[in-house]
Amino acid sequence: MTTSTELRRLRVEAVTPLAQLRQQIDVLLSAISSGSRDIESVLLHDADSVSNLTYIVKLIEVVPGVGKVGARQVLSAVDVLENDLAGNLTVAQRTNIVQRVQSLIEGRS
């Protein structure tokens, strides 16, 4: 029979990697929001396990000048769902998203 301390240990072992991933995603989103990383580099050049495991809508909506509505408009225009992970998109979809995000930003400035 499993003891309560063993259950706690198993839970911590299961949850710790997920908590670390969540922290890494938060760091990535903060970097995009502050402008120290841009959406082009995240999607096309420096894609890593963290960006690949992040919802595409979250990556786009934190881009300065885009926001929640703009992000969803971009995704609708390229026929990508909000809850798609960035890593599941094709290079063509990523390129199209980057171009539309850049056009949206230029149109608002």
C-alpha atoms as a PDB file:
ATOM      1  CA  MET A   1       0.000   0.000   0.000  1.00  0.00           C
ATOM      2  CA  THR A   2       1.209   3.485  -0.807  1.00  0.00           C
ATOM      3  CA  THR A   3       1.901   5.784   2.108  1.00  0.00           C
ATOM      4  CA  SER A   4       0.882   9.422   2.200  1.00  0.00           C
ATOM      5  CA  THR A   5       4.518  10.582   2.196  1.00  0.00           C
ATOM      6  CA  GLU A   6       5.183   8.467  -0.863  1.00  0.00           C
ATOM      7  CA  LEU A   7       2.120   9.947  -2.572  1.00  0.00           C
ATOM      8  CA  ARG A   8       3.401  13.449  -1.815  1.00  0.00           C
ATOM      9  CA  ARG A   9       6.811  12.570  -3.226  1.00  0.00           C
ATOM     10  CA  LEU A  10       5.260  11.128  -6.387  1.00  0.00           C
ATOM     11  CA  ARG A  11       3.087  14.203  -6.807  1.00  0.00           C
ATOM     12  CA  VAL A  12       6.070  16.538  -6.432  1.00  0.00           C
ATOM     13  CA  GLU A  13       8.021  14.491  -8.963  1.00  0.00           C
ATOM     14  CA  ALA A  14       5.129  14.741 -11.416  1.00  0.00           C
ATOM     15  CA  VAL A  15       4.351  18.422 -10.906  1.00  0.00           C
ATOM     16  CA  THR A  16       7.870  19.890 -10.702  1.00  0.00           C
ATOM     17  CA  PRO A  17       8.715  19.633 -14.425  1.00  0.00           C
ATOM     18  CA  LEU A  18       5.370  21.197 -15.317  1.00  0.00           C
ATOM     19  CA  ALA A  19       5.927  24.084 -12.907  1.00  0.00           C
ATOM     20  CA  GLN A  20       9.388  24.647 -14.375  1.00  0.00           C
ATOM     21  CA  LEU A  21       7.952  24.670 -17.900  1.00  0.00           C
ATOM     22  CA  ARG A  22       5.301  27.181 -16.823  1.00  0.00           C
ATOM     23  CA  GLN A  23       8.030  29.459 -15.411  1.00  0.00           C
ATOM     24  CA  GLN A  24       9.991  29.191 -18.667  1.00  0.00           C
ATOM     25  CA  ILE A  25       6.876  30.060 -20.680  1.00  0.00           C
ATOM     26  CA  ASP A  26       6.292  33.100 -18.442  1.00  0.00           C
ATOM     27  CA  VAL A  27       9.897  34.237 -19.033  1.00  0.00           C
ATOM     28  CA  LEU A  28       9.442  33.835 -22.798  1.00  0.00           C
ATOM     29  CA  LEU A  29       6.159  35.785 -22.810  1.00  0.00           C
ATOM     30  CA  SER A  30       7.737  38.551 -20.709  1.00  0.00           C
ATOM     31  CA  ALA A  31      10.663  38.769 -23.124  1.00  0.00           C
ATOM     32  CA  ILE A  32       8.303  39.136 -26.096  1.00  0.00           C
ATOM     33  CA  SER A  33       6.164  41.666 -24.229  1.00  0.00           C
ATOM     34  CA  SER A  34       9.183  43.786 -23.289  1.00  0.00           C
ATOM     35  CA  GLY A  35      10.548  43.703 -26.826  1.00  0.00           C
ATOM     36  CA  SER A  36      13.762  41.882 -25.946  1.00  0.00           C
ATOM     37  CA  ARG A  37      12.588  39.000 -28.192  1.00  0.00           C
ATOM     38  CA  ASP A  38      10.472  39.409 -31.288  1.00  0.00           C
ATOM     39  CA  ILE A  39       7.864  37.070 -32.689  1.00  0.00           C
ATOM     40  CA  GLU A  40       9.904  36.410 -35.822  1.00  0.00           C
ATOM     41  CA  SER A  41      12.884  35.092 -33.907  1.00  0.00           C
ATOM     42  CA  VAL A  42      10.679  33.016 -31.599  1.00  0.00           C
ATOM     43  CA  LEU A  43       8.687  31.375 -34.395  1.00  0.00           C
ATOM     44  CA  LEU A  44      11.197  31.170 -37.234  1.00  0.00           C
ATOM     45  CA  HIS A  45      14.759  31.288 -35.960  1.00  0.00           C
ATOM     46  CA  ASP A  46      15.066  30.340 -32.302  1.00  0.00           C
ATOM     47  CA  ALA A  47      12.189  27.919 -31.845  1.00  0.00           C
ATOM     48  CA  ASP A  48      12.886  25.762 -28.818  1.00  0.00           C
ATOM     49  CA  SER A  49      10.980  23.352 -26.631  1.00  0.00           C
ATOM     50  CA  VAL A  50       9.516  26.184 -24.574  1.00  0.00           C
ATOM     51  CA  SER A  51       8.142  28.170 -27.516  1.00  0.00           C
ATOM     52  CA  ASN A  52       6.995  24.966 -29.219  1.00  0.00           C
ATOM     53  CA  LEU A  53       4.939  24.031 -26.142  1.00  0.00           C
ATOM     54  CA  THR A  54       3.246  27.442 -25.897  1.00  0.00           C
ATOM     55  CA  TYR A  55      -0.162  28.237 -27.355  1.00  0.00           C
ATOM     56  CA  ILE A  56       0.332  30.320 -30.480  1.00  0.00           C
ATOM     57  CA  VAL A  57      -2.318  32.817 -29.377  1.00  0.00           C
ATOM     58  CA  LYS A  58      -0.337  33.572 -26.198  1.00  0.00           C
ATOM     59  CA  LEU A  59       2.849  34.212 -28.165  1.00  0.00           C
ATOM     60  CA  ILE A  60       1.080  36.636 -30.497  1.00  0.00           C
ATOM     61  CA  GLU A  61      -1.104  38.517 -28.040  1.00  0.00           C
ATOM     62  CA  VAL A  62       1.850  39.652 -25.904  1.00  0.00           C
ATOM     63  CA  VAL A  63       3.565  41.282 -28.892  1.00  0.00           C
ATOM     64  CA  PRO A  64       3.492  45.046 -28.236  1.00  0.00           C
ATOM     65  CA  GLY A  65       0.739  46.614 -30.332  1.00  0.00           C
ATOM     66  CA  VAL A  66      -1.154  43.396 -31.092  1.00  0.00           C
ATOM     67  CA  GLY A  67      -3.289  42.427 -28.080  1.00  0.00           C
ATOM     68  CA  LYS A  68      -5.927  39.757 -27.676  1.00  0.00           C
ATOM     69  CA  VAL A  69      -8.233  40.868 -30.477  1.00  0.00           C
ATOM     70  CA  GLY A  70      -5.420  41.395 -32.967  1.00  0.00           C
ATOM     71  CA  ALA A  71      -3.919  37.996 -32.174  1.00  0.00           C
ATOM     72  CA  ARG A  72      -7.210  36.264 -32.801  1.00  0.00           C
ATOM     73  CA  GLN A  73      -7.733  38.180 -36.052  1.00  0.00           C
ATOM     74  CA  VAL A  74      -4.315  37.061 -37.284  1.00  0.00           C
ATOM     75  CA  LEU A  75      -5.012  33.442 -36.391  1.00  0.00           C
ATOM     76  CA  SER A  76      -8.431  33.545 -38.016  1.00  0.00           C
ATOM     77  CA  ALA A  77      -6.925  34.955 -41.209  1.00  0.00           C
ATOM     78  CA  VAL A  78      -4.411  32.090 -41.448  1.00  0.00           C
ATOM     79  CA  ASP A  79      -6.935  29.439 -40.355  1.00  0.00           C
ATOM     80  CA  VAL A  80      -5.071  28.448 -37.183  1.00  0.00           C
ATOM     81  CA  LEU A  81      -6.847  27.641 -33.928  1.00  0.00           C
ATOM     82  CA  GLU A  82      -6.112  29.618 -30.767  1.00  0.00           C
ATOM     83  CA  ASN A  83      -5.232  26.505 -28.826  1.00  0.00           C
ATOM     84  CA  ASP A  84      -2.716  25.180 -31.352  1.00  0.00           C
ATOM     85  CA  LEU A  85       0.774  24.822 -29.943  1.00  0.00           C
ATOM     86  CA  ALA A  86       3.404  26.792 -31.837  1.00  0.00           C
ATOM     87  CA  GLY A  87       5.397  23.613 -32.379  1.00  0.00           C
ATOM     88  CA  ASN A  88       2.527  22.017 -34.296  1.00  0.00           C
ATOM     89  CA  LEU A  89       2.489  24.721 -36.985  1.00  0.00           C
ATOM     90  CA  THR A  90       4.167  24.358 -40.346  1.00  0.00           C
ATOM     91  CA  VAL A  91       6.931  26.717 -41.439  1.00  0.00           C
ATOM     92  CA  ALA A  92       4.510  28.247 -43.951  1.00  0.00           C
ATOM     93  CA  GLN A  93       1.945  28.928 -41.210  1.00  0.00           C
ATOM     94  CA  ARG A  94       4.597  30.445 -38.947  1.00  0.00           C
ATOM     95  CA  THR A  95       5.893  32.664 -41.758  1.00  0.00           C
ATOM     96  CA  ASN A  96       2.368  33.802 -42.619  1.00  0.00           C
ATOM     97  CA  ILE A  97       1.655  34.612 -38.960  1.00  0.00           C
ATOM     98  CA  VAL A  98       4.878  36.619 -38.614  1.00  0.00           C
ATOM     99  CA  GLN A  99       4.079  38.618 -41.761  1.00  0.00           C
ATOM    100  CA  ARG A 100       0.537  39.376 -40.601  1.00  0.00           C
ATOM    101  CA  VAL A 101       1.681  40.360 -37.107  1.00  0.00           C
ATOM    102  CA  GLN A 102       4.266  42.729 -38.589  1.00  0.00           C
ATOM    103  CA  SER A 103       1.646  44.215 -40.941  1.00  0.00           C
ATOM    104  CA  LEU A 104      -0.761  44.669 -38.036  1.00  0.00           C
ATOM    105  CA  ILE A 105       1.864  46.474 -35.979  1.00  0.00           C
ATOM    106  CA  GLU A 106       2.871  48.717 -38.893  1.00  0.00           C
ATOM    107  CA  GLY A 107      -0.791  49.532 -39.587  1.00  0.00           C
ATOM    108  CA  ARG A 108      -1.325  50.637 -35.981  1.00  0.00           C
ATOM    109  CA  SER A 109       1.753  52.840 -35.709  1.00  0.00           C
END
